[in-house]
Amino acid sequence: MLQYARDDGRLAQCYLETMQKTLIILGLVLLAAGLLWPVIAKLGLGRLPGDIIIRRDGFSFYFPLTTMIIVSIVLTLIFRFWGK
C-alpha cells in the first residue's frame, strides 16, 4: 500500500475505476441471468446427467456438477475469444 501513497493516488484511482467497472459488469450479468432464467431452465441446464441430487426425508441436496463444468467451458471460450 505504500507504493500507492507515493504515486499521488493515481494508481489507487485506477484500481478503484477498474473495480467499479468490474462490479457493474458482474451486476449486469447476474441481472441478465435472473431475467433469462425461465429460458435457461427450458434448455435443461441444472438437470443434466452427472448433477448430484440427494433426497431424504425433510432434506434435499443438489450439486450441479455437470452443469457447472459446461458453464465453465462456455464462459472460458467466450472470454478467450472476446479478449483477443
PDB file of N, CA and C in Angstrom:
ATOM      1  N   MET A   1       0.816  -1.196   0.000  1.00  0.00           N
ATOM      2  CA  MET A   1       0.000   0.000   0.000  1.00  0.00           C
ATOM      3  C   MET A   1       0.858   1.258   0.000  1.00  0.00           C
ATOM      4  N   LEU A   2       2.102   1.176   0.438  1.00  0.00           N
ATOM      5  CA  LEU A   2       2.954   2.360   0.457  1.00  0.00           C
ATOM      6  C   LEU A   2       3.265   2.834  -0.948  1.00  0.00           C
ATOM      7  N   GLN A   3       3.318   1.916  -1.920  1.00  0.00           N
ATOM      8  CA  GLN A   3       3.559   2.319  -3.304  1.00  0.00           C
ATOM      9  C   GLN A   3       2.421   3.196  -3.806  1.00  0.00           C
ATOM     10  N   TYR A   4       1.198   2.907  -3.406  1.00  0.00           N
ATOM     11  CA  TYR A   4       0.060   3.714  -3.833  1.00  0.00           C
ATOM     12  C   TYR A   4       0.152   5.122  -3.273  1.00  0.00           C
ATOM     13  N   ALA A   5       0.602   5.243  -2.020  1.00  0.00           N
ATOM     14  CA  ALA A   5       0.680   6.553  -1.378  1.00  0.00           C
ATOM     15  C   ALA A   5       1.730   7.425  -2.061  1.00  0.00           C
ATOM     16  N   ARG A   6       2.821   6.856  -2.518  1.00  0.00           N
ATOM     17  CA  ARG A   6       3.880   7.620  -3.182  1.00  0.00           C
ATOM     18  C   ARG A   6       3.489   8.032  -4.597  1.00  0.00           C
ATOM     19  N   ASP A   7       2.462   7.428  -5.140  1.00  0.00           N
ATOM     20  CA  ASP A   7       2.078   7.649  -6.527  1.00  0.00           C
ATOM     21  C   ASP A   7       1.022   8.744  -6.658  1.00  0.00           C
ATOM     22  N   ASP A   8       0.838   9.545  -5.651  1.00  0.00           N
ATOM     23  CA  ASP A   8      -0.154  10.628  -5.629  1.00  0.00           C
ATOM     24  C   ASP A   8      -1.573  10.113  -5.849  1.00  0.00           C
ATOM     25  N   GLY A   9      -1.816   8.851  -5.585  1.00  0.00           N
ATOM     26  CA  GLY A   9      -3.163   8.296  -5.678  1.00  0.00           C
ATOM     27  C   GLY A   9      -3.585   7.894  -7.078  1.00  0.00           C
ATOM     28  N   ARG A  10      -2.739   8.079  -8.086  1.00  0.00           N
ATOM     29  CA  ARG A  10      -3.127   7.731  -9.456  1.00  0.00           C
ATOM     30  C   ARG A  10      -3.345   6.230  -9.614  1.00  0.00           C
ATOM     31  N   LEU A  11      -2.481   5.446  -9.027  1.00  0.00           N
ATOM     32  CA  LEU A  11      -2.608   4.006  -9.123  1.00  0.00           C
ATOM     33  C   LEU A  11      -3.833   3.518  -8.355  1.00  0.00           C
ATOM     34  N   ALA A  12      -4.063   4.095  -7.191  1.00  0.00           N
ATOM     35  CA  ALA A  12      -5.238   3.737  -6.398  1.00  0.00           C
ATOM     36  C   ALA A  12      -6.511   4.127  -7.137  1.00  0.00           C
ATOM     37  N   GLN A  13      -6.519   5.270  -7.803  1.00  0.00           N
ATOM     38  CA  GLN A  13      -7.684   5.707  -8.565  1.00  0.00           C
ATOM     39  C   GLN A  13      -7.950   4.755  -9.724  1.00  0.00           C
ATOM     40  N   CYS A  14      -6.919   4.312 -10.394  1.00  0.00           N
ATOM     41  CA  CYS A  14      -7.068   3.354 -11.496  1.00  0.00           C
ATOM     42  C   CYS A  14      -7.654   2.050 -10.978  1.00  0.00           C
ATOM     43  N   TYR A  15      -7.173   1.613  -9.816  1.00  0.00           N
ATOM     44  CA  TYR A  15      -7.685   0.392  -9.206  1.00  0.00           C
ATOM     45  C   TYR A  15      -9.165   0.537  -8.871  1.00  0.00           C
ATOM     46  N   LEU A  16      -9.552   1.676  -8.313  1.00  0.00           N
ATOM     47  CA  LEU A  16     -10.961   1.896  -7.959  1.00  0.00           C
ATOM     48  C   LEU A  16     -11.849   1.923  -9.196  1.00  0.00           C
ATOM     49  N   GLU A  17     -11.391   2.557 -10.265  1.00  0.00           N
ATOM     50  CA  GLU A  17     -12.177   2.603 -11.500  1.00  0.00           C
ATOM     51  C   GLU A  17     -12.345   1.200 -12.089  1.00  0.00           C
ATOM     52  N   THR A  18     -11.285   0.416 -12.054  1.00  0.00           N
ATOM     53  CA  THR A  18     -11.369  -0.949 -12.566  1.00  0.00           C
ATOM     54  C   THR A  18     -12.325  -1.776 -11.722  1.00  0.00           C
ATOM     55  N   MET A  19     -12.273  -1.626 -10.413  1.00  0.00           N
ATOM     56  CA  MET A  19     -13.161  -2.364  -9.520  1.00  0.00           C
ATOM     57  C   MET A  19     -14.612  -1.953  -9.755  1.00  0.00           C
ATOM     58  N   GLN A  20     -14.860  -0.671  -9.947  1.00  0.00           N
ATOM     59  CA  GLN A  20     -16.218  -0.198 -10.198  1.00  0.00           C
ATOM     60  C   GLN A  20     -16.774  -0.810 -11.480  1.00  0.00           C
ATOM     61  N   LYS A  21     -15.980  -0.802 -12.535  1.00  0.00           N
ATOM     62  CA  LYS A  21     -16.422  -1.374 -13.806  1.00  0.00           C
ATOM     63  C   LYS A  21     -16.691  -2.872 -13.665  1.00  0.00           C
ATOM     64  N   THR A  22     -15.814  -3.558 -12.947  1.00  0.00           N
ATOM     65  CA  THR A  22     -15.981  -4.999 -12.754  1.00  0.00           C
ATOM     66  C   THR A  22     -17.267  -5.307 -11.996  1.00  0.00           C
ATOM     67  N   LEU A  23     -17.553  -4.556 -10.944  1.00  0.00           N
ATOM     68  CA  LEU A  23     -18.764  -4.789 -10.165  1.00  0.00           C
ATOM     69  C   LEU A  23     -20.024  -4.463 -10.969  1.00  0.00           C
ATOM     70  N   ILE A  24     -19.976  -3.423 -11.786  1.00  0.00           N
ATOM     71  CA  ILE A  24     -21.131  -3.087 -12.622  1.00  0.00           C
ATOM     72  C   ILE A  24     -21.384  -4.190 -13.639  1.00  0.00           C
ATOM     73  N   ILE A  25     -20.338  -4.680 -14.284  1.00  0.00           N
ATOM     74  CA  ILE A  25     -20.495  -5.752 -15.270  1.00  0.00           C
ATOM     75  C   ILE A  25     -21.001  -7.020 -14.603  1.00  0.00           C
ATOM     76  N   LEU A  26     -20.466  -7.362 -13.439  1.00  0.00           N
ATOM     77  CA  LEU A  26     -20.923  -8.538 -12.712  1.00  0.00           C
ATOM     78  C   LEU A  26     -22.395  -8.410 -12.335  1.00  0.00           C
ATOM     79  N   GLY A  27     -22.797  -7.234 -11.902  1.00  0.00           N
ATOM     80  CA  GLY A  27     -24.200  -6.992 -11.579  1.00  0.00           C
ATOM     81  C   GLY A  27     -25.103  -7.142 -12.795  1.00  0.00           C
ATOM     82  N   LEU A  28     -24.659  -6.637 -13.938  1.00  0.00           N
ATOM     83  CA  LEU A  28     -25.460  -6.768 -15.165  1.00  0.00           C
ATOM     84  C   LEU A  28     -25.567  -8.218 -15.621  1.00  0.00           C
ATOM     85  N   VAL A  29     -24.484  -8.965 -15.463  1.00  0.00           N
ATOM     86  CA  VAL A  29     -24.515 -10.388 -15.820  1.00  0.00           C
ATOM     87  C   VAL A  29     -25.489 -11.140 -14.919  1.00  0.00           C
ATOM     88  N   LEU A  30     -25.453 -10.867 -13.627  1.00  0.00           N
ATOM     89  CA  LEU A  30     -26.381 -11.522 -12.697  1.00  0.00           C
ATOM     90  C   LEU A  30     -27.830 -11.115 -12.989  1.00  0.00           C
ATOM     91  N   LEU A  31     -28.052  -9.858 -13.329  1.00  0.00           N
ATOM     92  CA  LEU A  31     -29.394  -9.395 -13.680  1.00  0.00           C
ATOM     93  C   LEU A  31     -29.894 -10.101 -14.933  1.00  0.00           C
ATOM     94  N   ALA A  32     -29.036 -10.209 -15.945  1.00  0.00           N
ATOM     95  CA  ALA A  32     -29.419 -10.893 -17.182  1.00  0.00           C
ATOM     96  C   ALA A  32     -29.714 -12.368 -16.929  1.00  0.00           C
ATOM     97  N   ALA A  33     -28.899 -13.016 -16.105  1.00  0.00           N
ATOM     98  CA  ALA A  33     -29.137 -14.424 -15.782  1.00  0.00           C
ATOM     99  C   ALA A  33     -30.459 -14.595 -15.053  1.00  0.00           C
ATOM    100  N   GLY A  34     -30.762 -13.674 -14.158  1.00  0.00           N
ATOM    101  CA  GLY A  34     -32.031 -13.746 -13.438  1.00  0.00           C
ATOM    102  C   GLY A  34     -33.224 -13.537 -14.351  1.00  0.00           C
ATOM    103  N   LEU A  35     -33.114 -12.597 -15.271  1.00  0.00           N
ATOM    104  CA  LEU A  35     -34.223 -12.336 -16.192  1.00  0.00           C
ATOM    105  C   LEU A  35     -34.397 -13.455 -17.210  1.00  0.00           C
ATOM    106  N   LEU A  36     -33.307 -14.070 -17.600  1.00  0.00           N
ATOM    107  CA  LEU A  36     -33.362 -15.128 -18.608  1.00  0.00           C
ATOM    108  C   LEU A  36     -33.497 -16.523 -18.002  1.00  0.00           C
ATOM    109  N   TRP A  37     -33.664 -16.611 -16.695  1.00  0.00           N
ATOM    110  CA  TRP A  37     -33.720 -17.915 -16.036  1.00  0.00           C
ATOM    111  C   TRP A  37     -34.806 -18.829 -16.597  1.00  0.00           C
ATOM    112  N   PRO A  38     -36.024 -18.338 -16.895  1.00  0.00           N
ATOM    113  CA  PRO A  38     -37.027 -19.246 -17.482  1.00  0.00           C
ATOM    114  C   PRO A  38     -36.561 -19.863 -18.805  1.00  0.00           C
ATOM    115  N   VAL A  39     -35.856 -19.100 -19.602  1.00  0.00           N
ATOM    116  CA  VAL A  39     -35.335 -19.621 -20.872  1.00  0.00           C
ATOM    117  C   VAL A  39     -34.217 -20.618 -20.602  1.00  0.00           C
ATOM    118  N   ILE A  40     -33.344 -20.286 -19.658  1.00  0.00           N
ATOM    119  CA  ILE A  40     -32.229 -21.171 -19.322  1.00  0.00           C
ATOM    120  C   ILE A  40     -32.750 -22.497 -18.765  1.00  0.00           C
ATOM    121  N   ALA A  41     -33.801 -22.447 -17.962  1.00  0.00           N
ATOM    122  CA  ALA A  41     -34.359 -23.665 -17.374  1.00  0.00           C
ATOM    123  C   ALA A  41     -34.933 -24.583 -18.453  1.00  0.00           C
ATOM    124  N   LYS A  42     -35.486 -24.005 -19.518  1.00  0.00           N
ATOM    125  CA  LYS A  42     -36.037 -24.825 -20.608  1.00  0.00           C
ATOM    126  C   LYS A  42     -34.950 -25.540 -21.393  1.00  0.00           C
ATOM    127  N   LEU A  43     -33.717 -25.035 -21.346  1.00  0.00           N
ATOM    128  CA  LEU A  43     -32.601 -25.680 -22.039  1.00  0.00           C
ATOM    129  C   LEU A  43     -32.168 -26.964 -21.346  1.00  0.00           C
ATOM    130  N   GLY A  44     -32.595 -27.156 -20.121  1.00  0.00           N
ATOM    131  CA  GLY A  44     -32.235 -28.368 -19.398  1.00  0.00           C
ATOM    132  C   GLY A  44     -31.039 -28.206 -18.491  1.00  0.00           C
ATOM    133  N   LEU A  45     -30.458 -27.017 -18.451  1.00  0.00           N
ATOM    134  CA  LEU A  45     -29.328 -26.810 -17.549  1.00  0.00           C
ATOM    135  C   LEU A  45     -29.802 -26.973 -16.116  1.00  0.00           C
ATOM    136  N   GLY A  46     -29.042 -27.678 -15.332  1.00  0.00           N
ATOM    137  CA  GLY A  46     -29.404 -27.912 -13.947  1.00  0.00           C
ATOM    138  C   GLY A  46     -30.008 -29.283 -13.719  1.00  0.00           C
ATOM    139  N   ARG A  47     -30.311 -29.988 -14.771  1.00  0.00           N
ATOM    140  CA  ARG A  47     -30.872 -31.333 -14.644  1.00  0.00           C
ATOM    141  C   ARG A  47     -30.163 -32.299 -15.604  1.00  0.00           C
ATOM    142  N   LEU A  48     -28.879 -32.144 -15.713  1.00  0.00           N
ATOM    143  CA  LEU A  48     -28.097 -32.965 -16.625  1.00  0.00           C
ATOM    144  C   LEU A  48     -27.602 -34.226 -15.917  1.00  0.00           C
ATOM    145  N   PRO A  49     -27.312 -35.271 -16.691  1.00  0.00           N
ATOM    146  CA  PRO A  49     -26.695 -36.443 -16.083  1.00  0.00           C
ATOM    147  C   PRO A  49     -25.338 -36.048 -15.488  1.00  0.00           C
ATOM    148  N   GLY A  50     -25.079 -36.461 -14.296  1.00  0.00           N
ATOM    149  CA  GLY A  50     -23.851 -36.087 -13.616  1.00  0.00           C
ATOM    150  C   GLY A  50     -24.082 -35.045 -12.536  1.00  0.00           C
ATOM    151  N   ASP A  51     -25.232 -34.377 -12.579  1.00  0.00           N
ATOM    152  CA  ASP A  51     -25.592 -33.478 -11.482  1.00  0.00           C
ATOM    153  C   ASP A  51     -25.997 -34.339 -10.293  1.00  0.00           C
ATOM    154  N   ILE A  52     -25.530 -33.984  -9.116  1.00  0.00           N
ATOM    155  CA  ILE A  52     -25.746 -34.802  -7.927  1.00  0.00           C
ATOM    156  C   ILE A  52     -26.978 -34.308  -7.182  1.00  0.00           C
ATOM    157  N   ILE A  53     -27.932 -35.215  -6.978  1.00  0.00           N
ATOM    158  CA  ILE A  53     -29.147 -34.901  -6.234  1.00  0.00           C
ATOM    159  C   ILE A  53     -29.335 -35.967  -5.162  1.00  0.00           C
ATOM    160  N   ILE A  54     -29.419 -35.544  -3.909  1.00  0.00           N
ATOM    161  CA  ILE A  54     -29.668 -36.458  -2.794  1.00  0.00           C
ATOM    162  C   ILE A  54     -30.945 -35.999  -2.111  1.00  0.00           C
ATOM    163  N   ARG A  55     -31.928 -36.882  -2.055  1.00  0.00           N
ATOM    164  CA  ARG A  55     -33.197 -36.550  -1.408  1.00  0.00           C
ATOM    165  C   ARG A  55     -33.438 -37.520  -0.255  1.00  0.00           C
ATOM    166  N   ARG A  56     -33.707 -36.981   0.899  1.00  0.00           N
ATOM    167  CA  ARG A  56     -34.058 -37.746   2.094  1.00  0.00           C
ATOM    168  C   ARG A  56     -35.302 -37.111   2.695  1.00  0.00           C
ATOM    169  N   ASP A  57     -35.835 -37.715   3.715  1.00  0.00           N
ATOM    170  CA  ASP A  57     -36.995 -37.144   4.386  1.00  0.00           C
ATOM    171  C   ASP A  57     -36.634 -35.791   4.999  1.00  0.00           C
ATOM    172  N   GLY A  58     -37.278 -34.750   4.549  1.00  0.00           N
ATOM    173  CA  GLY A  58     -37.057 -33.414   5.091  1.00  0.00           C
ATOM    174  C   GLY A  58     -35.735 -32.786   4.687  1.00  0.00           C
ATOM    175  N   PHE A  59     -35.033 -33.361   3.709  1.00  0.00           N
ATOM    176  CA  PHE A  59     -33.729 -32.853   3.318  1.00  0.00           C
ATOM    177  C   PHE A  59     -33.495 -33.144   1.845  1.00  0.00           C
ATOM    178  N   SER A  60     -32.966 -32.188   1.157  1.00  0.00           N
ATOM    179  CA  SER A  60     -32.527 -32.436  -0.215  1.00  0.00           C
ATOM    180  C   SER A  60     -31.245 -31.652  -0.464  1.00  0.00           C
ATOM    181  N   PHE A  61     -30.336 -32.265  -1.194  1.00  0.00           N
ATOM    182  CA  PHE A  61     -29.055 -31.658  -1.528  1.00  0.00           C
ATOM    183  C   PHE A  61     -28.885 -31.737  -3.031  1.00  0.00           C
ATOM    184  N   TYR A  62     -28.524 -30.615  -3.635  1.00  0.00           N
ATOM    185  CA  TYR A  62     -28.370 -30.559  -5.082  1.00  0.00           C
ATOM    186  C   TYR A  62     -27.021 -29.933  -5.396  1.00  0.00           C
ATOM    187  N   PHE A  63     -26.203 -30.602  -6.183  1.00  0.00           N
ATOM    188  CA  PHE A  63     -24.905 -30.109  -6.599  1.00  0.00           C
ATOM    189  C   PHE A  63     -24.787 -30.285  -8.107  1.00  0.00           C
ATOM    190  N   PRO A  64     -24.931 -29.201  -8.881  1.00  0.00           N
ATOM    191  CA  PRO A  64     -24.953 -29.300 -10.349  1.00  0.00           C
ATOM    192  C   PRO A  64     -23.552 -29.406 -10.957  1.00  0.00           C
ATOM    193  N   LEU A  65     -22.895 -30.525 -10.759  1.00  0.00           N
ATOM    194  CA  LEU A  65     -21.510 -30.708 -11.190  1.00  0.00           C
ATOM    195  C   LEU A  65     -21.358 -30.578 -12.709  1.00  0.00           C
ATOM    196  N   THR A  66     -22.125 -31.323 -13.463  1.00  0.00           N
ATOM    197  CA  THR A  66     -22.023 -31.292 -14.923  1.00  0.00           C
ATOM    198  C   THR A  66     -22.404 -29.928 -15.468  1.00  0.00           C
ATOM    199  N   THR A  67     -23.439 -29.342 -14.920  1.00  0.00           N
ATOM    200  CA  THR A  67     -23.864 -28.016 -15.365  1.00  0.00           C
ATOM    201  C   THR A  67     -22.760 -26.995 -15.136  1.00  0.00           C
ATOM    202  N   MET A  68     -22.093 -27.059 -13.980  1.00  0.00           N
ATOM    203  CA  MET A  68     -21.019 -26.110 -13.693  1.00  0.00           C
ATOM    204  C   MET A  68     -19.846 -26.291 -14.656  1.00  0.00           C
ATOM    205  N   ILE A  69     -19.536 -27.524 -15.013  1.00  0.00           N
ATOM    206  CA  ILE A  69     -18.441 -27.780 -15.947  1.00  0.00           C
ATOM    207  C   ILE A  69     -18.772 -27.211 -17.321  1.00  0.00           C
ATOM    208  N   ILE A  70     -19.995 -27.427 -17.796  1.00  0.00           N
ATOM    209  CA  ILE A  70     -20.401 -26.912 -19.102  1.00  0.00           C
ATOM    210  C   ILE A  70     -20.406 -25.390 -19.110  1.00  0.00           C
ATOM    211  N   VAL A  71     -20.958 -24.775 -18.074  1.00  0.00           N
ATOM    212  CA  VAL A  71     -20.976 -23.315 -17.992  1.00  0.00           C
ATOM    213  C   VAL A  71     -19.547 -22.774 -17.939  1.00  0.00           C
ATOM    214  N   SER A  72     -18.665 -23.432 -17.219  1.00  0.00           N
ATOM    215  CA  SER A  72     -17.280 -23.004 -17.129  1.00  0.00           C
ATOM    216  C   SER A  72     -16.590 -23.064 -18.490  1.00  0.00           C
ATOM    217  N   ILE A  73     -16.813 -24.128 -19.232  1.00  0.00           N
ATOM    218  CA  ILE A  73     -16.205 -24.266 -20.559  1.00  0.00           C
ATOM    219  C   ILE A  73     -16.728 -23.182 -21.498  1.00  0.00           C
ATOM    220  N   VAL A  74     -18.037 -22.957 -21.491  1.00  0.00           N
ATOM    221  CA  VAL A  74     -18.625 -21.936 -22.365  1.00  0.00           C
ATOM    222  C   VAL A  74     -18.089 -20.552 -22.021  1.00  0.00           C
ATOM    223  N   LEU A  75     -18.048 -20.218 -20.727  1.00  0.00           N
ATOM    224  CA  LEU A  75     -17.537 -18.907 -20.323  1.00  0.00           C
ATOM    225  C   LEU A  75     -16.056 -18.755 -20.648  1.00  0.00           C
ATOM    226  N   THR A  76     -15.281 -19.823 -20.490  1.00  0.00           N
ATOM    227  CA  THR A  76     -13.867 -19.772 -20.841  1.00  0.00           C
ATOM    228  C   THR A  76     -13.682 -19.480 -22.318  1.00  0.00           C
ATOM    229  N   LEU A  77     -14.447 -20.138 -23.167  1.00  0.00           N
ATOM    230  CA  LEU A  77     -14.360 -19.896 -24.607  1.00  0.00           C
ATOM    231  C   LEU A  77     -14.786 -18.477 -24.966  1.00  0.00           C
ATOM    232  N   ILE A  78     -15.860 -18.002 -24.345  1.00  0.00           N
ATOM    233  CA  ILE A  78     -16.332 -16.644 -24.627  1.00  0.00           C
ATOM    234  C   ILE A  78     -15.274 -15.624 -24.231  1.00  0.00           C
ATOM    235  N   PHE A  79     -14.727 -15.731 -23.022  1.00  0.00           N
ATOM    236  CA  PHE A  79     -13.727 -14.757 -22.575  1.00  0.00           C
ATOM    237  C   PHE A  79     -12.434 -14.869 -23.342  1.00  0.00           C
ATOM    238  N   ARG A  80     -12.083 -16.074 -23.771  1.00  0.00           N
ATOM    239  CA  ARG A  80     -10.846 -16.240 -24.534  1.00  0.00           C
ATOM    240  C   ARG A  80     -10.960 -15.584 -25.903  1.00  0.00           C
ATOM    241  N   PHE A  81     -12.102 -15.763 -26.581  1.00  0.00           N
ATOM    242  CA  PHE A  81     -12.284 -15.156 -27.897  1.00  0.00           C
ATOM    243  C   PHE A  81     -12.586 -13.662 -27.798  1.00  0.00           C
ATOM    244  N   TRP A  82     -13.266 -13.258 -26.719  1.00  0.00           N
ATOM    245  CA  TRP A  82     -13.621 -11.851 -26.541  1.00  0.00           C
ATOM    246  C   TRP A  82     -12.383 -11.032 -26.184  1.00  0.00           C
ATOM    247  N   GLY A  83     -11.457 -11.643 -25.473  1.00  0.00           N
ATOM    248  CA  GLY A  83     -10.264 -10.925 -25.037  1.00  0.00           C
ATOM    249  C   GLY A  83      -9.266 -10.667 -26.141  1.00  0.00           C
ATOM    250  N   LYS A  84      -9.369 -11.382 -27.241  1.00  0.00           N
ATOM    251  CA  LYS A  84      -8.372 -11.210 -28.326  1.00  0.00           C
ATOM    252  C   LYS A  84      -8.830 -10.244 -29.362  1.00  0.00           C
TER     253      LYS A  84
END
